[in-house]
Amino acid sequence: MPRKRRSGRKYGEAASKSVERALRLEKRGTLRSGKGGKGGIVRSRKQAIAIGLSEARKAGAKVPARSS
């Protein structure tokens, strides 16, 4: 028997916009990690996505809670 699919989106539209912005900055070489952007330049695509999702969470967008 096939499994039921979940209804609705897991991530909201605002979350995808935030990730999109972070990826663009990473590609341009201007995305920085750390508090207030004082860390090093982000070179990893995965790290850029994580930063985008973190910013979306802080802004109150629809994003699942972080897995530990």
N, C-alpha and C. Protein backbone atom coordinates (compact mmCIF):
# COMPACT_ATOMS: atom_id res chain seq x y z
N MET A 1 0.83 -1.18 0.00
CA MET A 1 0.00 0.00 0.00
C MET A 1 0.89 1.26 0.00
N PRO A 2 0.64 2.20 -0.89
CA PRO A 2 1.49 3.39 -0.95
C PRO A 2 1.31 4.28 0.28
N ARG A 3 2.41 4.94 0.65
CA ARG A 3 2.35 5.84 1.80
C ARG A 3 1.62 7.12 1.44
N LYS A 4 0.96 7.68 2.43
CA LYS A 4 0.26 8.95 2.22
C LYS A 4 1.27 10.08 2.13
N ARG A 5 1.01 11.01 1.24
CA ARG A 5 1.88 12.17 1.11
C ARG A 5 1.41 13.25 2.07
N ARG A 6 2.36 13.98 2.60
CA ARG A 6 2.01 15.10 3.49
C ARG A 6 1.37 16.21 2.68
N SER A 7 0.46 16.89 3.30
CA SER A 7 -0.16 18.01 2.61
C SER A 7 0.55 19.29 3.00
N GLY A 8 0.65 20.20 2.09
CA GLY A 8 1.26 21.49 2.38
C GLY A 8 2.76 21.50 2.16
N ARG A 9 3.29 22.69 2.16
CA ARG A 9 4.72 22.86 1.94
C ARG A 9 5.48 22.76 3.25
N LYS A 10 6.69 22.22 3.19
CA LYS A 10 7.52 22.12 4.37
C LYS A 10 8.18 23.46 4.66
N TYR A 11 8.61 24.13 3.61
CA TYR A 11 9.26 25.43 3.73
C TYR A 11 8.39 26.50 3.08
N GLY A 12 8.30 27.66 3.70
CA GLY A 12 7.51 28.75 3.16
C GLY A 12 8.24 29.50 2.06
N GLU A 13 7.52 30.36 1.39
CA GLU A 13 8.08 31.17 0.29
C GLU A 13 9.17 32.11 0.79
N ALA A 14 8.97 32.69 1.97
CA ALA A 14 9.95 33.62 2.54
C ALA A 14 11.28 32.90 2.81
N ALA A 15 11.20 31.64 3.20
CA ALA A 15 12.40 30.86 3.49
C ALA A 15 13.22 30.65 2.22
N SER A 16 12.52 30.36 1.12
CA SER A 16 13.24 30.13 -0.14
C SER A 16 13.88 31.43 -0.64
N LYS A 17 13.23 32.56 -0.40
CA LYS A 17 13.79 33.85 -0.80
C LYS A 17 15.08 34.14 0.00
N SER A 18 15.04 33.80 1.29
CA SER A 18 16.20 34.03 2.16
C SER A 18 17.38 33.17 1.74
N VAL A 19 17.12 31.91 1.42
CA VAL A 19 18.16 30.99 0.96
C VAL A 19 18.71 31.46 -0.39
N GLU A 20 17.81 31.89 -1.26
CA GLU A 20 18.21 32.39 -2.59
C GLU A 20 19.17 33.57 -2.44
N ARG A 21 18.83 34.48 -1.53
CA ARG A 21 19.67 35.66 -1.29
C ARG A 21 21.05 35.25 -0.77
N ALA A 22 21.07 34.29 0.19
CA ALA A 22 22.34 33.83 0.76
C ALA A 22 23.22 33.16 -0.30
N LEU A 23 22.60 32.37 -1.17
CA LEU A 23 23.36 31.70 -2.23
C LEU A 23 23.94 32.70 -3.22
N ARG A 24 23.18 33.74 -3.49
CA ARG A 24 23.66 34.77 -4.42
C ARG A 24 24.87 35.48 -3.83
N LEU A 25 24.79 35.81 -2.53
CA LEU A 25 25.91 36.47 -1.85
C LEU A 25 27.14 35.56 -1.80
N GLU A 26 26.90 34.27 -1.56
CA GLU A 26 28.00 33.30 -1.51
C GLU A 26 28.71 33.22 -2.86
N LYS A 27 27.92 33.22 -3.92
CA LYS A 27 28.47 33.13 -5.27
C LYS A 27 29.29 34.38 -5.60
N ARG A 28 28.82 35.52 -5.09
CA ARG A 28 29.50 36.79 -5.32
C ARG A 28 30.75 36.92 -4.44
N GLY A 29 30.81 36.09 -3.37
CA GLY A 29 31.96 36.11 -2.47
C GLY A 29 31.84 37.13 -1.36
N THR A 30 30.60 37.56 -1.05
CA THR A 30 30.41 38.58 -0.02
C THR A 30 29.67 38.06 1.21
N LEU A 31 29.31 36.76 1.21
CA LEU A 31 28.60 36.18 2.36
C LEU A 31 29.62 35.81 3.43
N ARG A 32 29.37 36.28 4.64
CA ARG A 32 30.28 35.99 5.74
C ARG A 32 29.53 35.29 6.87
N SER A 33 30.22 34.42 7.56
CA SER A 33 29.62 33.68 8.67
C SER A 33 29.90 34.39 9.98
N GLY A 34 29.26 33.93 11.03
CA GLY A 34 29.51 34.47 12.37
C GLY A 34 28.59 35.61 12.73
N LYS A 35 28.65 35.99 13.98
CA LYS A 35 27.78 37.03 14.50
C LYS A 35 28.13 38.39 13.88
N GLY A 36 27.16 39.00 13.25
CA GLY A 36 27.39 40.30 12.63
C GLY A 36 28.28 40.25 11.40
N GLY A 37 28.47 39.07 10.83
CA GLY A 37 29.29 38.95 9.62
C GLY A 37 30.77 39.17 9.87
N LYS A 38 31.22 38.87 11.10
CA LYS A 38 32.63 39.08 11.44
C LYS A 38 33.48 37.84 11.16
N GLY A 39 32.84 36.74 10.82
CA GLY A 39 33.57 35.50 10.55
C GLY A 39 34.20 35.51 9.17
N GLY A 40 34.64 34.35 8.75
CA GLY A 40 35.30 34.23 7.45
C GLY A 40 34.30 34.23 6.31
N ILE A 41 34.83 34.32 5.11
CA ILE A 41 33.99 34.29 3.91
C ILE A 41 33.49 32.86 3.70
N VAL A 42 32.22 32.73 3.41
CA VAL A 42 31.60 31.43 3.20
C VAL A 42 31.91 30.95 1.79
N ARG A 43 32.48 29.74 1.69
CA ARG A 43 32.81 29.18 0.38
C ARG A 43 31.98 27.94 0.05
N SER A 44 31.29 27.42 1.06
CA SER A 44 30.51 26.20 0.89
C SER A 44 29.04 26.52 0.59
N ARG A 45 28.51 25.82 -0.41
CA ARG A 45 27.10 25.98 -0.79
C ARG A 45 26.19 25.54 0.36
N LYS A 46 26.56 24.45 1.02
CA LYS A 46 25.77 23.93 2.15
C LYS A 46 25.71 24.94 3.29
N GLN A 47 26.84 25.58 3.56
CA GLN A 47 26.88 26.57 4.64
C GLN A 47 26.02 27.78 4.28
N ALA A 48 26.03 28.16 3.00
CA ALA A 48 25.21 29.29 2.56
C ALA A 48 23.73 28.99 2.75
N ILE A 49 23.32 27.77 2.44
CA ILE A 49 21.92 27.36 2.62
C ILE A 49 21.56 27.39 4.11
N ALA A 50 22.47 26.90 4.96
CA ALA A 50 22.23 26.89 6.40
C ALA A 50 22.07 28.31 6.94
N ILE A 51 22.88 29.24 6.45
CA ILE A 51 22.79 30.63 6.88
C ILE A 51 21.46 31.23 6.44
N GLY A 52 21.04 30.95 5.20
CA GLY A 52 19.76 31.45 4.69
C GLY A 52 18.59 30.95 5.50
N LEU A 53 18.60 29.66 5.86
CA LEU A 53 17.51 29.07 6.66
C LEU A 53 17.51 29.64 8.07
N SER A 54 18.69 29.87 8.62
CA SER A 54 18.80 30.43 9.96
C SER A 54 18.22 31.85 9.99
N GLU A 55 18.54 32.64 8.98
CA GLU A 55 18.00 34.00 8.88
C GLU A 55 16.48 33.98 8.73
N ALA A 56 15.98 33.01 7.96
CA ALA A 56 14.53 32.87 7.76
C ALA A 56 13.84 32.52 9.07
N ARG A 57 14.46 31.63 9.86
CA ARG A 57 13.90 31.26 11.17
C ARG A 57 13.79 32.48 12.08
N LYS A 58 14.87 33.28 12.11
CA LYS A 58 14.88 34.47 12.96
C LYS A 58 13.81 35.47 12.53
N ALA A 59 13.52 35.50 11.22
CA ALA A 59 12.51 36.43 10.70
C ALA A 59 11.09 35.90 10.89
N GLY A 60 10.98 34.64 11.34
CA GLY A 60 9.66 34.06 11.61
C GLY A 60 9.03 33.38 10.42
N ALA A 61 9.83 33.02 9.43
CA ALA A 61 9.30 32.33 8.24
C ALA A 61 8.95 30.88 8.57
N LYS A 62 8.20 30.25 7.68
CA LYS A 62 7.81 28.85 7.89
C LYS A 62 8.98 27.95 7.50
N VAL A 63 9.71 27.52 8.55
CA VAL A 63 10.86 26.64 8.37
C VAL A 63 10.81 25.60 9.47
N PRO A 64 11.02 24.31 9.14
CA PRO A 64 11.03 23.30 10.20
C PRO A 64 12.13 23.57 11.21
N ALA A 65 11.92 23.11 12.45
CA ALA A 65 12.93 23.31 13.51
C ALA A 65 14.21 22.59 13.14
N ARG A 66 15.32 23.09 13.65
CA ARG A 66 16.61 22.48 13.37
C ARG A 66 16.66 21.07 13.93
N SER A 67 17.25 20.14 13.17
CA SER A 67 17.44 18.79 13.68
C SER A 67 18.76 18.74 14.43
N SER A 68 18.80 18.02 15.53
CA SER A 68 20.03 17.99 16.32
C SER A 68 20.88 16.79 16.04
